[in-house]
């Protein structure tokens, strides 16, 4: 593949089931070192409003896919995404509560 990064956009707007389907397809068909996954933001996808489980499910699937790069689409970024992004990016490195990387518990450590 002659591109540095293929940023697919099928995962940033639609509902959760379509996100899962698209993520599975791209993980199976684009080399991991070239794959960039776009994630939904509240401003772009108002259906996510007040649905924290949607963010959690999307990030959990992203983690399990072993994709190593994702992109927020549209600004400003919802604060909830930023917390999930920090945990995903650092894999909670240095955190005494490593279970928080699973994203289903509140992180009580101040780790940057």
PDB file of N, CA and C in Angstrom:
ATOM      1  N   UNK A   1       0.849  -1.170   0.000  1.00  0.00           N
ATOM      2  CA  UNK A   1       0.000   0.000   0.000  1.00  0.00           C
ATOM      3  C   UNK A   1       0.898   1.237   0.000  1.00  0.00           C
ATOM      4  N   UNK A   2       0.611   2.185  -0.873  1.00  0.00           N
ATOM      5  CA  UNK A   2       1.475   3.343  -1.034  1.00  0.00           C
ATOM      6  C   UNK A   2       1.059   4.548  -0.207  1.00  0.00           C
ATOM      7  N   UNK A   3       0.134   4.387   0.710  1.00  0.00           N
ATOM      8  CA  UNK A   3      -0.265   5.493   1.579  1.00  0.00           C
ATOM      9  C   UNK A   3       0.370   5.316   2.950  1.00  0.00           C
ATOM     10  N   UNK A   4       0.605   6.441   3.634  1.00  0.00           N
ATOM     11  CA  UNK A   4       1.164   6.359   4.977  1.00  0.00           C
ATOM     12  C   UNK A   4       0.116   5.913   5.982  1.00  0.00           C
ATOM     13  N   UNK A   5      -1.091   6.433   5.839  1.00  0.00           N
ATOM     14  CA  UNK A   5      -2.168   6.105   6.767  1.00  0.00           C
ATOM     15  C   UNK A   5      -3.480   6.167   6.018  1.00  0.00           C
ATOM     16  N   UNK A   6      -4.278   5.136   6.147  1.00  0.00           N
ATOM     17  CA  UNK A   6      -5.595   5.100   5.524  1.00  0.00           C
ATOM     18  C   UNK A   6      -6.610   5.408   6.618  1.00  0.00           C
ATOM     19  N   UNK A   7      -7.167   6.608   6.591  1.00  0.00           N
ATOM     20  CA  UNK A   7      -8.153   7.016   7.592  1.00  0.00           C
ATOM     21  C   UNK A   7      -9.534   6.690   7.066  1.00  0.00           C
ATOM     22  N   UNK A   8     -10.082   5.631   7.591  1.00  0.00           N
ATOM     23  CA  UNK A   8     -11.412   5.242   7.146  1.00  0.00           C
ATOM     24  C   UNK A   8     -12.444   6.029   7.949  1.00  0.00           C
ATOM     25  N   UNK A   9     -13.540   6.360   7.306  1.00  0.00           N
ATOM     26  CA  UNK A   9     -14.527   7.232   7.936  1.00  0.00           C
ATOM     27  C   UNK A   9     -15.860   6.534   8.185  1.00  0.00           C
ATOM     28  N   UNK A  10     -15.939   5.241   7.950  1.00  0.00           N
ATOM     29  CA  UNK A  10     -17.198   4.518   8.139  1.00  0.00           C
ATOM     30  C   UNK A  10     -17.553   4.314   9.605  1.00  0.00           C
ATOM     31  N   UNK A  11     -16.666   4.700  10.511  1.00  0.00           N
ATOM     32  CA  UNK A  11     -16.902   4.426  11.929  1.00  0.00           C
ATOM     33  C   UNK A  11     -17.210   5.672  12.748  1.00  0.00           C
ATOM     34  N   UNK A  12     -17.228   6.830  12.138  1.00  0.00           N
ATOM     35  CA  UNK A  12     -17.378   8.030  12.961  1.00  0.00           C
ATOM     36  C   UNK A  12     -18.813   8.493  13.132  1.00  0.00           C
ATOM     37  N   UNK A  13     -19.729   8.108  12.308  1.00  0.00           N
ATOM     38  CA  UNK A  13     -21.065   8.689  12.390  1.00  0.00           C
ATOM     39  C   UNK A  13     -22.164   7.691  12.728  1.00  0.00           C
ATOM     40  N   UNK A  14     -22.124   6.544  12.170  1.00  0.00           N
ATOM     41  CA  UNK A  14     -23.257   5.626  12.236  1.00  0.00           C
ATOM     42  C   UNK A  14     -23.396   4.973  13.608  1.00  0.00           C
ATOM     43  N   UNK A  15     -24.437   4.169  13.763  1.00  0.00           N
ATOM     44  CA  UNK A  15     -24.708   3.492  15.018  1.00  0.00           C
ATOM     45  C   UNK A  15     -23.673   2.440  15.359  1.00  0.00           C
ATOM     46  N   UNK A  16     -23.826   1.872  16.531  1.00  0.00           N
ATOM     47  CA  UNK A  16     -22.838   0.956  17.074  1.00  0.00           C
ATOM     48  C   UNK A  16     -22.655  -0.308  16.233  1.00  0.00           C
ATOM     49  N   UNK A  17     -23.732  -0.901  15.766  1.00  0.00           N
ATOM     50  CA  UNK A  17     -23.578  -2.137  14.989  1.00  0.00           C
ATOM     51  C   UNK A  17     -22.822  -1.878  13.685  1.00  0.00           C
ATOM     52  N   UNK A  18     -23.078  -0.744  13.052  1.00  0.00           N
ATOM     53  CA  UNK A  18     -22.347  -0.429  11.819  1.00  0.00           C
ATOM     54  C   UNK A  18     -20.881  -0.126  12.122  1.00  0.00           C
ATOM     55  N   UNK A  19     -20.630   0.504  13.260  1.00  0.00           N
ATOM     56  CA  UNK A  19     -19.247   0.743  13.699  1.00  0.00           C
ATOM     57  C   UNK A  19     -18.515  -0.588  13.839  1.00  0.00           C
ATOM     58  N   UNK A  20     -19.136  -1.555  14.534  1.00  0.00           N
ATOM     59  CA  UNK A  20     -18.502  -2.862  14.713  1.00  0.00           C
ATOM     60  C   UNK A  20     -18.228  -3.533  13.371  1.00  0.00           C
ATOM     61  N   UNK A  21     -19.217  -3.507  12.481  1.00  0.00           N
ATOM     62  CA  UNK A  21     -19.050  -4.135  11.164  1.00  0.00           C
ATOM     63  C   UNK A  21     -17.919  -3.484  10.374  1.00  0.00           C
ATOM     64  N   UNK A  22     -17.911  -2.155  10.357  1.00  0.00           N
ATOM     65  CA  UNK A  22     -16.878  -1.446   9.598  1.00  0.00           C
ATOM     66  C   UNK A  22     -15.497  -1.686  10.199  1.00  0.00           C
ATOM     67  N   UNK A  23     -15.403  -1.621  11.520  1.00  0.00           N
ATOM     68  CA  UNK A  23     -14.119  -1.845  12.176  1.00  0.00           C
ATOM     69  C   UNK A  23     -13.597  -3.250  11.861  1.00  0.00           C
ATOM     70  N   UNK A  24     -14.462  -4.235  11.959  1.00  0.00           N
ATOM     71  CA  UNK A  24     -14.055  -5.609  11.630  1.00  0.00           C
ATOM     72  C   UNK A  24     -13.550  -5.709  10.199  1.00  0.00           C
ATOM     73  N   UNK A  25     -14.267  -5.081   9.267  1.00  0.00           N
ATOM     74  CA  UNK A  25     -13.870  -5.162   7.869  1.00  0.00           C
ATOM     75  C   UNK A  25     -12.505  -4.514   7.650  1.00  0.00           C
ATOM     76  N   UNK A  26     -12.316  -3.307   8.181  1.00  0.00           N
ATOM     77  CA  UNK A  26     -11.049  -2.606   7.960  1.00  0.00           C
ATOM     78  C   UNK A  26      -9.883  -3.322   8.632  1.00  0.00           C
ATOM     79  N   UNK A  27     -10.091  -3.846   9.833  1.00  0.00           N
ATOM     80  CA  UNK A  27      -9.030  -4.582  10.511  1.00  0.00           C
ATOM     81  C   UNK A  27      -8.634  -5.813   9.698  1.00  0.00           C
ATOM     82  N   UNK A  28      -9.597  -6.435   9.039  1.00  0.00           N
ATOM     83  CA  UNK A  28      -9.305  -7.611   8.233  1.00  0.00           C
ATOM     84  C   UNK A  28      -8.764  -7.319   6.851  1.00  0.00           C
ATOM     85  N   UNK A  29      -8.850  -6.053   6.388  1.00  0.00           N
ATOM     86  CA  UNK A  29      -8.492  -5.757   5.000  1.00  0.00           C
ATOM     87  C   UNK A  29      -7.463  -4.654   4.802  1.00  0.00           C
ATOM     88  N   UNK A  30      -7.095  -3.954   5.845  1.00  0.00           N
ATOM     89  CA  UNK A  30      -6.093  -2.889   5.740  1.00  0.00           C
ATOM     90  C   UNK A  30      -4.948  -3.247   6.683  1.00  0.00           C
ATOM     91  N   UNK A  31      -3.702  -3.163   6.219  1.00  0.00           N
ATOM     92  CA  UNK A  31      -2.580  -3.467   7.103  1.00  0.00           C
ATOM     93  C   UNK A  31      -2.641  -2.619   8.376  1.00  0.00           C
ATOM     94  N   UNK A  32      -2.398  -3.250   9.497  1.00  0.00           N
ATOM     95  CA  UNK A  32      -2.528  -2.581  10.791  1.00  0.00           C
ATOM     96  C   UNK A  32      -1.694  -1.305  10.885  1.00  0.00           C
ATOM     97  N   UNK A  33      -0.498  -1.315  10.319  1.00  0.00           N
ATOM     98  CA  UNK A  33       0.354  -0.126  10.410  1.00  0.00           C
ATOM     99  C   UNK A  33      -0.112   1.006   9.499  1.00  0.00           C
ATOM    100  N   UNK A  34      -1.122   0.769   8.678  1.00  0.00           N
ATOM    101  CA  UNK A  34      -1.676   1.795   7.790  1.00  0.00           C
ATOM    102  C   UNK A  34      -3.076   2.238   8.211  1.00  0.00           C
ATOM    103  N   UNK A  35      -3.683   1.503   9.142  1.00  0.00           N
ATOM    104  CA  UNK A  35      -5.080   1.737   9.485  1.00  0.00           C
ATOM    105  C   UNK A  35      -5.250   2.874  10.480  1.00  0.00           C
ATOM    106  N   UNK A  36      -6.088   3.826  10.124  1.00  0.00           N
ATOM    107  CA  UNK A  36      -6.503   4.895  11.024  1.00  0.00           C
ATOM    108  C   UNK A  36      -8.004   4.825  11.192  1.00  0.00           C
ATOM    109  N   UNK A  37      -8.469   4.703  12.417  1.00  0.00           N
ATOM    110  CA  UNK A  37      -9.893   4.560  12.690  1.00  0.00           C
ATOM    111  C   UNK A  37     -10.450   5.909  13.139  1.00  0.00           C
ATOM    112  N   UNK A  38     -11.474   6.376  12.459  1.00  0.00           N
ATOM    113  CA  UNK A  38     -12.140   7.621  12.861  1.00  0.00           C
ATOM    114  C   UNK A  38     -13.174   7.285  13.920  1.00  0.00           C
ATOM    115  N   UNK A  39     -13.211   8.093  14.977  1.00  0.00           N
ATOM    116  CA  UNK A  39     -14.204   7.866  16.023  1.00  0.00           C
ATOM    117  C   UNK A  39     -15.194   9.018  16.057  1.00  0.00           C
ATOM    118  N   UNK A  40     -16.406   8.682  16.416  1.00  0.00           N
ATOM    119  CA  UNK A  40     -17.497   9.653  16.440  1.00  0.00           C
ATOM    120  C   UNK A  40     -17.291  10.658  17.555  1.00  0.00           C
ATOM    121  N   UNK A  41     -17.789  11.834  17.331  1.00  0.00           N
ATOM    122  CA  UNK A  41     -17.794  12.873  18.350  1.00  0.00           C
ATOM    123  C   UNK A  41     -19.222  13.358  18.493  1.00  0.00           C
ATOM    124  N   UNK A  42     -19.546  13.822  19.660  1.00  0.00           N
ATOM    125  CA  UNK A  42     -20.914  14.238  19.937  1.00  0.00           C
ATOM    126  C   UNK A  42     -21.411  15.283  18.955  1.00  0.00           C
ATOM    127  N   UNK A  43     -20.550  16.213  18.556  1.00  0.00           N
ATOM    128  CA  UNK A  43     -20.965  17.243  17.619  1.00  0.00           C
ATOM    129  C   UNK A  43     -21.339  16.702  16.254  1.00  0.00           C
ATOM    130  N   UNK A  44     -20.696  15.616  15.847  1.00  0.00           N
ATOM    131  CA  UNK A  44     -20.954  15.008  14.548  1.00  0.00           C
ATOM    132  C   UNK A  44     -22.083  13.996  14.642  1.00  0.00           C
ATOM    133  N   UNK A  45     -22.134  13.296  15.755  1.00  0.00           N
ATOM    134  CA  UNK A  45     -23.104  12.225  15.925  1.00  0.00           C
ATOM    135  C   UNK A  45     -23.948  12.484  17.171  1.00  0.00           C
ATOM    136  N   UNK A  46     -24.983  13.339  17.059  1.00  0.00           N
ATOM    137  CA  UNK A  46     -25.782  13.675  18.235  1.00  0.00           C
ATOM    138  C   UNK A  46     -26.503  12.481  18.849  1.00  0.00           C
ATOM    139  N   UNK A  47     -26.579  11.367  18.140  1.00  0.00           N
ATOM    140  CA  UNK A  47     -27.234  10.188  18.712  1.00  0.00           C
ATOM    141  C   UNK A  47     -26.435   9.622  19.885  1.00  0.00           C
ATOM    142  N   UNK A  48     -25.169  10.054  20.048  1.00  0.00           N
ATOM    143  CA  UNK A  48     -24.362   9.585  21.170  1.00  0.00           C
ATOM    144  C   UNK A  48     -24.650  10.338  22.462  1.00  0.00           C
ATOM    145  N   UNK A  49     -25.368  11.436  22.373  1.00  0.00           N
ATOM    146  CA  UNK A  49     -25.602  12.263  23.559  1.00  0.00           C
ATOM    147  C   UNK A  49     -26.230  11.436  24.679  1.00  0.00           C
ATOM    148  N   UNK A  50     -25.632  11.554  25.852  1.00  0.00           N
ATOM    149  CA  UNK A  50     -26.088  10.852  27.054  1.00  0.00           C
ATOM    150  C   UNK A  50     -26.073   9.338  26.903  1.00  0.00           C
ATOM    151  N   UNK A  51     -25.144   8.828  26.117  1.00  0.00           N
ATOM    152  CA  UNK A  51     -24.999   7.380  25.956  1.00  0.00           C
ATOM    153  C   UNK A  51     -23.538   6.991  26.223  1.00  0.00           C
ATOM    154  N   UNK A  52     -23.115   7.069  27.478  1.00  0.00           N
ATOM    155  CA  UNK A  52     -21.708   6.753  27.766  1.00  0.00           C
ATOM    156  C   UNK A  52     -21.326   5.329  27.380  1.00  0.00           C
ATOM    157  N   UNK A  53     -22.287   4.404  27.380  1.00  0.00           N
ATOM    158  CA  UNK A  53     -21.975   3.030  26.980  1.00  0.00           C
ATOM    159  C   UNK A  53     -21.577   2.943  25.512  1.00  0.00           C
ATOM    160  N   UNK A  54     -22.065   3.881  24.691  1.00  0.00           N
ATOM    161  CA  UNK A  54     -21.669   3.912  23.271  1.00  0.00           C
ATOM    162  C   UNK A  54     -20.172   4.182  23.162  1.00  0.00           C
ATOM    163  N   UNK A  55     -19.683   5.178  23.880  1.00  0.00           N
ATOM    164  CA  UNK A  55     -18.251   5.478  23.851  1.00  0.00           C
ATOM    165  C   UNK A  55     -17.455   4.289  24.368  1.00  0.00           C
ATOM    166  N   UNK A  56     -17.897   3.749  25.480  1.00  0.00           N
ATOM    167  CA  UNK A  56     -17.203   2.621  26.082  1.00  0.00           C
ATOM    168  C   UNK A  56     -17.145   1.440  25.117  1.00  0.00           C
ATOM    169  N   UNK A  57     -18.244   1.133  24.471  1.00  0.00           N
ATOM    170  CA  UNK A  57     -18.292   0.017  23.518  1.00  0.00           C
ATOM    171  C   UNK A  57     -17.377   0.255  22.331  1.00  0.00           C
ATOM    172  N   UNK A  58     -17.373   1.466  21.809  1.00  0.00           N
ATOM    173  CA  UNK A  58     -16.519   1.791  20.664  1.00  0.00           C
ATOM    174  C   UNK A  58     -15.044   1.679  21.029  1.00  0.00           C
ATOM    175  N   UNK A  59     -14.671   2.195  22.194  1.00  0.00           N
ATOM    176  CA  UNK A  59     -13.271   2.125  22.609  1.00  0.00           C
ATOM    177  C   UNK A  59     -12.859   0.692  22.929  1.00  0.00           C
ATOM    178  N   UNK A  60     -13.738  -0.064  23.538  1.00  0.00           N
ATOM    179  CA  UNK A  60     -13.425  -1.460  23.837  1.00  0.00           C
ATOM    180  C   UNK A  60     -13.172  -2.229  22.534  1.00  0.00           C
ATOM    181  N   UNK A  61     -14.028  -2.025  21.541  1.00  0.00           N
ATOM    182  CA  UNK A  61     -13.841  -2.688  20.247  1.00  0.00           C
ATOM    183  C   UNK A  61     -12.551  -2.220  19.580  1.00  0.00           C
ATOM    184  N   UNK A  62     -12.246  -0.934  19.683  1.00  0.00           N
ATOM    185  CA  UNK A  62     -11.007  -0.409  19.114  1.00  0.00           C
ATOM    186  C   UNK A  62      -9.805  -1.076  19.772  1.00  0.00           C
ATOM    187  N   UNK A  63      -9.847  -1.189  21.087  1.00  0.00           N
ATOM    188  CA  UNK A  63      -8.760  -1.859  21.820  1.00  0.00           C
ATOM    189  C   UNK A  63      -8.617  -3.313  21.383  1.00  0.00           C
ATOM    190  N   UNK A  64      -9.712  -4.034  21.332  1.00  0.00           N
ATOM    191  CA  UNK A  64      -9.671  -5.450  20.982  1.00  0.00           C
ATOM    192  C   UNK A  64      -9.260  -5.674  19.529  1.00  0.00           C
ATOM    193  N   UNK A  65      -9.471  -4.675  18.670  1.00  0.00           N
ATOM    194  CA  UNK A  65      -9.099  -4.805  17.256  1.00  0.00           C
ATOM    195  C   UNK A  65      -7.590  -4.752  17.044  1.00  0.00           C
ATOM    196  N   UNK A  66      -6.887  -4.234  18.015  1.00  0.00           N
ATOM    197  CA  UNK A  66      -5.443  -4.023  17.958  1.00  0.00           C
ATOM    198  C   UNK A  66      -5.035  -2.973  16.933  1.00  0.00           C
ATOM    199  N   UNK A  67      -5.993  -2.172  16.474  1.00  0.00           N
ATOM    200  CA  UNK A  67      -5.629  -1.012  15.656  1.00  0.00           C
ATOM    201  C   UNK A  67      -4.760  -0.118  16.534  1.00  0.00           C
ATOM    202  N   UNK A  68      -3.796   0.567  15.935  1.00  0.00           N
ATOM    203  CA  UNK A  68      -2.885   1.348  16.761  1.00  0.00           C
ATOM    204  C   UNK A  68      -2.994   2.862  16.550  1.00  0.00           C
ATOM    205  N   UNK A  69      -4.033   3.298  15.848  1.00  0.00           N
ATOM    206  CA  UNK A  69      -4.167   4.724  15.585  1.00  0.00           C
ATOM    207  C   UNK A  69      -5.634   5.061  15.363  1.00  0.00           C
ATOM    208  N   UNK A  70      -6.096   6.124  15.995  1.00  0.00           N
ATOM    209  CA  UNK A  70      -7.438   6.592  15.694  1.00  0.00           C
ATOM    210  C   UNK A  70      -7.458   8.103  15.658  1.00  0.00           C
ATOM    211  N   UNK A  71      -8.506   8.631  15.060  1.00  0.00           N
ATOM    212  CA  UNK A  71      -8.619  10.060  14.826  1.00  0.00           C
ATOM    213  C   UNK A  71     -10.000  10.538  15.256  1.00  0.00           C
ATOM    214  N   UNK A  72     -10.005  11.648  15.975  1.00  0.00           N
ATOM    215  CA  UNK A  72     -11.280  12.285  16.286  1.00  0.00           C
ATOM    216  C   UNK A  72     -11.728  13.054  15.058  1.00  0.00           C
ATOM    217  N   UNK A  73     -13.004  13.017  14.778  1.00  0.00           N
ATOM    218  CA  UNK A  73     -13.529  13.754  13.638  1.00  0.00           C
ATOM    219  C   UNK A  73     -14.385  14.886  14.154  1.00  0.00           C
ATOM    220  N   UNK A  74     -14.002  16.088  13.824  1.00  0.00           N
ATOM    221  CA  UNK A  74     -14.701  17.319  14.172  1.00  0.00           C
ATOM    222  C   UNK A  74     -14.300  17.814  15.555  1.00  0.00           C
ATOM    223  N   UNK A  75     -14.325  19.100  15.711  1.00  0.00           N
ATOM    224  CA  UNK A  75     -13.991  19.750  16.968  1.00  0.00           C
ATOM    225  C   UNK A  75     -15.201  20.516  17.453  1.00  0.00           C
ATOM    226  N   UNK A  76     -15.369  20.789  18.716  1.00  0.00           N
ATOM    227  CA  UNK A  76     -14.515  20.352  19.818  1.00  0.00           C
ATOM    228  C   UNK A  76     -14.775  18.894  20.168  1.00  0.00           C
ATOM    229  N   UNK A  77     -13.809  18.294  20.821  1.00  0.00           N
ATOM    230  CA  UNK A  77     -13.909  16.888  21.202  1.00  0.00           C
ATOM    231  C   UNK A  77     -14.649  16.781  22.530  1.00  0.00           C
ATOM    232  N   UNK A  78     -15.583  15.866  22.606  1.00  0.00           N
ATOM    233  CA  UNK A  78     -16.312  15.612  23.834  1.00  0.00           C
ATOM    234  C   UNK A  78     -15.330  15.146  24.911  1.00  0.00           C
ATOM    235  N   UNK A  79     -15.433  15.713  26.108  1.00  0.00           N
ATOM    236  CA  UNK A  79     -14.514  15.384  27.205  1.00  0.00           C
ATOM    237  C   UNK A  79     -14.458  13.883  27.499  1.00  0.00           C
ATOM    238  N   UNK A  80     -15.569  13.198  27.357  1.00  0.00           N
ATOM    239  CA  UNK A  80     -15.571  11.764  27.646  1.00  0.00           C
ATOM    240  C   UNK A  80     -14.639  11.011  26.703  1.00  0.00           C
ATOM    241  N   UNK A  81     -14.595  11.435  25.436  1.00  0.00           N
ATOM    242  CA  UNK A  81     -13.666  10.807  24.493  1.00  0.00           C
ATOM    243  C   UNK A  81     -12.229  11.008  24.949  1.00  0.00           C
ATOM    244  N   UNK A  82     -11.921  12.200  25.457  1.00  0.00           N
ATOM    245  CA  UNK A  82     -10.544  12.490  25.844  1.00  0.00           C
ATOM    246  C   UNK A  82     -10.068  11.567  26.962  1.00  0.00           C
ATOM    247  N   UNK A  83     -10.932  11.295  27.924  1.00  0.00           N
ATOM    248  CA  UNK A  83     -10.557  10.368  28.998  1.00  0.00           C
ATOM    249  C   UNK A  83     -10.303   8.972  28.438  1.00  0.00           C
ATOM    250  N   UNK A  84     -11.181   8.506  27.580  1.00  0.00           N
ATOM    251  CA  UNK A  84     -10.981   7.183  26.971  1.00  0.00           C
ATOM    252  C   UNK A  84      -9.717   7.165  26.116  1.00  0.00           C
ATOM    253  N   UNK A  85      -9.469   8.236  25.374  1.00  0.00           N
ATOM    254  CA  UNK A  85      -8.286   8.310  24.519  1.00  0.00           C
ATOM    255  C   UNK A  85      -7.007   8.247  25.345  1.00  0.00           C
ATOM    256  N   UNK A  86      -6.978   8.948  26.471  1.00  0.00           N
ATOM    257  CA  UNK A  86      -5.798   8.929  27.339  1.00  0.00           C
ATOM    258  C   UNK A  86      -5.526   7.513  27.834  1.00  0.00           C
ATOM    259  N   UNK A  87      -6.561   6.833  28.278  1.00  0.00           N
ATOM    260  CA  UNK A  87      -6.380   5.467  28.771  1.00  0.00           C
ATOM    261  C   UNK A  87      -5.916   4.539  27.649  1.00  0.00           C
ATOM    262  N   UNK A  88      -6.523   4.686  26.465  1.00  0.00           N
ATOM    263  CA  UNK A  88      -6.176   3.826  25.332  1.00  0.00           C
ATOM    264  C   UNK A  88      -4.737   4.058  24.885  1.00  0.00           C
ATOM    265  N   UNK A  89      -4.364   5.310  24.756  1.00  0.00           N
ATOM    266  CA  UNK A  89      -3.041   5.663  24.244  1.00  0.00           C
ATOM    267  C   UNK A  89      -1.929   5.214  25.188  1.00  0.00           C
ATOM    268  N   UNK A  90      -2.124   5.418  26.486  1.00  0.00           N
ATOM    269  CA  UNK A  90      -1.080   5.090  27.457  1.00  0.00           C
ATOM    270  C   UNK A  90      -1.199   3.675  28.000  1.00  0.00           C
ATOM    271  N   UNK A  91      -2.330   3.016  27.700  1.00  0.00           N
ATOM    272  CA  UNK A  91      -2.630   1.707  28.291  1.00  0.00           C
ATOM    273  C   UNK A  91      -2.482   1.786  29.806  1.00  0.00           C
ATOM    274  N   UNK A  92      -2.834   2.957  30.325  1.00  0.00           N
ATOM    275  CA  UNK A  92      -2.781   3.246  31.772  1.00  0.00           C
ATOM    276  C   UNK A  92      -1.393   2.980  32.348  1.00  0.00           C
ATOM    277  N   UNK A  93      -0.357   3.270  31.562  1.00  0.00           N
ATOM    278  CA  UNK A  93       1.017   3.062  32.011  1.00  0.00           C
ATOM    279  C   UNK A  93       1.260   3.812  33.321  1.00  0.00           C
ATOM    280  N   UNK A  94       1.834   3.144  34.272  1.00  0.00           N
ATOM    281  CA  UNK A  94       2.174   3.753  35.549  1.00  0.00           C
ATOM    282  C   UNK A  94       1.009   3.866  36.506  1.00  0.00           C
ATOM    283  N   UNK A  95      -0.138   3.431  36.101  1.00  0.00           N
ATOM    284  CA  UNK A  95      -1.319   3.547  36.956  1.00  0.00           C
ATOM    285  C   UNK A  95      -1.359   2.366  37.922  1.00  0.00           C
ATOM    286  N   UNK A  96      -1.569   2.636  39.217  1.00  0.00           N
ATOM    287  CA  UNK A  96      -1.664   1.524  40.172  1.00  0.00           C
ATOM    288  C   UNK A  96      -2.959   0.727  40.015  1.00  0.00           C
ATOM    289  N   UNK A  97      -3.910   1.284  39.284  1.00  0.00           N
ATOM    290  CA  UNK A  97      -5.204   0.628  39.094  1.00  0.00           C
ATOM    291  C   UNK A  97      -5.330   0.202  37.640  1.00  0.00           C
ATOM    292  N   UNK A  98      -4.527  -0.750  37.203  1.00  0.00           N
ATOM    293  CA  UNK A  98      -4.495  -1.129  35.789  1.00  0.00           C
ATOM    294  C   UNK A  98      -5.833  -1.626  35.269  1.00  0.00           C
ATOM    295  N   UNK A  99      -6.734  -1.993  36.154  1.00  0.00           N
ATOM    296  CA  UNK A  99      -8.060  -2.425  35.703  1.00  0.00           C
ATOM    297  C   UNK A  99      -8.791  -1.294  35.000  1.00  0.00           C
ATOM    298  N   UNK A 100      -8.406  -0.057  35.251  1.00  0.00           N
ATOM    299  CA  UNK A 100      -9.106   1.063  34.614  1.00  0.00           C
ATOM    300  C   UNK A 100      -8.888   1.074  33.111  1.00  0.00           C
ATOM    301  N   UNK A 101      -7.858   0.373  32.625  1.00  0.00           N
ATOM    302  CA  UNK A 101      -7.649   0.326  31.178  1.00  0.00           C
ATOM    303  C   UNK A 101      -8.803  -0.372  30.484  1.00  0.00           C
ATOM    304  N   UNK A 102      -9.490  -1.225  31.188  1.00  0.00           N
ATOM    305  CA  UNK A 102     -10.660  -1.874  30.598  1.00  0.00           C
ATOM    306  C   UNK A 102     -11.802  -0.878  30.422  1.00  0.00           C
ATOM    307  N   UNK A 103     -11.639   0.326  30.922  1.00  0.00           N
ATOM    308  CA  UNK A 103     -12.539   1.453  30.702  1.00  0.00           C
ATOM    309  C   UNK A 103     -13.892   1.342  31.404  1.00  0.00           C
ATOM    310  N   UNK A 104     -14.144   0.256  32.110  1.00  0.00           N
ATOM    311  CA  UNK A 104     -15.448   0.138  32.755  1.00  0.00           C
ATOM    312  C   UNK A 104     -15.419   0.534  34.224  1.00  0.00           C
ATOM    313  N   UNK A 105     -14.268   0.964  34.718  1.00  0.00           N
ATOM    314  CA  UNK A 105     -14.178   1.484  36.075  1.00  0.00           C
ATOM    315  C   UNK A 105     -13.591   2.880  36.009  1.00  0.00           C
ATOM    316  N   UNK A 106     -13.917   3.672  37.000  1.00  0.00           N
ATOM    317  CA  UNK A 106     -13.378   5.026  37.066  1.00  0.00           C
ATOM    318  C   UNK A 106     -11.928   4.960  37.504  1.00  0.00           C
ATOM    319  N   UNK A 107     -11.083   5.673  36.809  1.00  0.00           N
ATOM    320  CA  UNK A 107      -9.678   5.716  37.162  1.00  0.00           C
ATOM    321  C   UNK A 107      -9.510   6.700  38.310  1.00  0.00           C
ATOM    322  N   UNK A 108      -8.918   6.226  39.409  1.00  0.00           N
ATOM    323  CA  UNK A 108      -8.737   7.086  40.574  1.00  0.00           C
ATOM    324  C   UNK A 108      -7.299   7.562  40.709  1.00  0.00           C
ATOM    325  N   UNK A 109      -6.491   7.352  39.693  1.00  0.00           N
ATOM    326  CA  UNK A 109      -5.099   7.766  39.728  1.00  0.00           C
ATOM    327  C   UNK A 109      -4.888   8.962  38.813  1.00  0.00           C
ATOM    328  N   UNK A 110      -4.069   9.865  39.225  1.00  0.00           N
ATOM    329  CA  UNK A 110      -3.733  11.010  38.387  1.00  0.00           C
ATOM    330  C   UNK A 110      -2.501  10.676  37.568  1.00  0.00           C
ATOM    331  N   UNK A 111      -2.720  10.034  36.453  1.00  0.00           N
ATOM    332  CA  UNK A 111      -1.630   9.616  35.571  1.00  0.00           C
ATOM    333  C   UNK A 111      -1.752  10.394  34.274  1.00  0.00           C
ATOM    334  N   UNK A 112      -0.670  10.964  33.836  1.00  0.00           N
ATOM    335  CA  UNK A 112      -0.693  11.711  32.584  1.00  0.00           C
ATOM    336  C   UNK A 112      -0.102  10.860  31.489  1.00  0.00           C
TER     337      UNK A 112
END
